[in-house]
Amino acid sequence: MTQHDPTRRTNRQRDSRKQERRQERHTDNASLRDAVRAIGAGDIEQWQQEDGDE
């Protein structure tokens, strides 16, 4: 019989939550890019570059 390792379980849960958050950020960023394009403001990457010029 094998013993359960609580550390392994905790690490798996942590990794799962990290992956979920990563996917949520990806989806949110895609939505933001689409909204910026929809209002005709160009690409968000251009905004990030211009922000440092002011």
Protein backbone atom coordinates (compact mmCIF):
# COMPACT_ATOMS: atom_id res chain seq x y z
CA MET A 1 0.00 0.00 0.00
CA THR A 2 1.32 3.45 -0.89
CA GLN A 3 1.14 6.43 1.39
CA HIS A 4 -0.40 9.66 0.21
CA ASP A 5 1.93 12.60 0.04
CA PRO A 6 0.07 15.79 1.05
CA THR A 7 2.82 17.93 -0.46
CA ARG A 8 2.29 16.40 -3.89
CA ARG A 9 -1.43 17.00 -3.66
CA THR A 10 -0.90 20.60 -2.58
CA ASN A 11 1.53 21.17 -5.45
CA ARG A 12 -0.92 19.71 -7.97
CA GLN A 13 -3.69 21.95 -6.67
CA ARG A 14 -1.41 24.99 -6.78
CA ASP A 15 -0.35 24.19 -10.35
CA SER A 16 -3.96 23.73 -11.35
CA ARG A 17 -4.92 27.13 -9.92
CA LYS A 18 -1.93 28.76 -11.65
CA GLN A 19 -3.02 27.27 -14.97
CA GLU A 20 -6.59 28.50 -14.44
CA ARG A 21 -5.41 32.05 -13.69
CA ARG A 22 -3.09 31.98 -16.69
CA GLN A 23 -5.98 30.97 -18.94
CA GLU A 24 -8.22 33.69 -17.45
CA ARG A 25 -5.55 36.34 -18.09
CA HIS A 26 -5.15 35.12 -21.66
CA THR A 27 -8.91 35.37 -22.24
CA ASP A 28 -9.12 38.79 -20.58
CA ASN A 29 -6.20 40.13 -22.63
CA ALA A 30 -7.75 38.86 -25.85
CA SER A 31 -11.04 40.57 -24.96
CA LEU A 32 -9.21 43.81 -24.21
CA ARG A 33 -7.36 43.70 -27.54
CA ASP A 34 -10.63 43.11 -29.38
CA ALA A 35 -12.31 46.03 -27.58
CA VAL A 36 -9.41 48.38 -28.39
CA ARG A 37 -9.55 47.39 -32.05
CA ALA A 38 -13.35 47.71 -32.12
CA ILE A 39 -13.21 51.36 -31.07
CA GLY A 40 -10.58 52.04 -33.72
CA ALA A 41 -7.79 52.84 -31.29
CA GLY A 42 -5.19 50.62 -32.93
CA ASP A 43 -3.37 47.80 -31.21
CA ILE A 44 -2.79 47.79 -27.46
CA GLU A 45 0.91 47.12 -28.09
CA GLN A 46 1.17 50.58 -29.70
CA TRP A 47 -0.37 52.15 -26.60
CA GLN A 48 2.19 50.48 -24.38
CA GLN A 49 5.06 51.81 -26.49
CA GLU A 50 3.62 55.35 -26.67
CA ASP A 51 3.05 55.51 -22.91
CA GLY A 52 6.77 55.86 -22.27
CA ASP A 53 7.14 58.72 -24.77
CA GLU A 54 5.06 61.24 -22.82
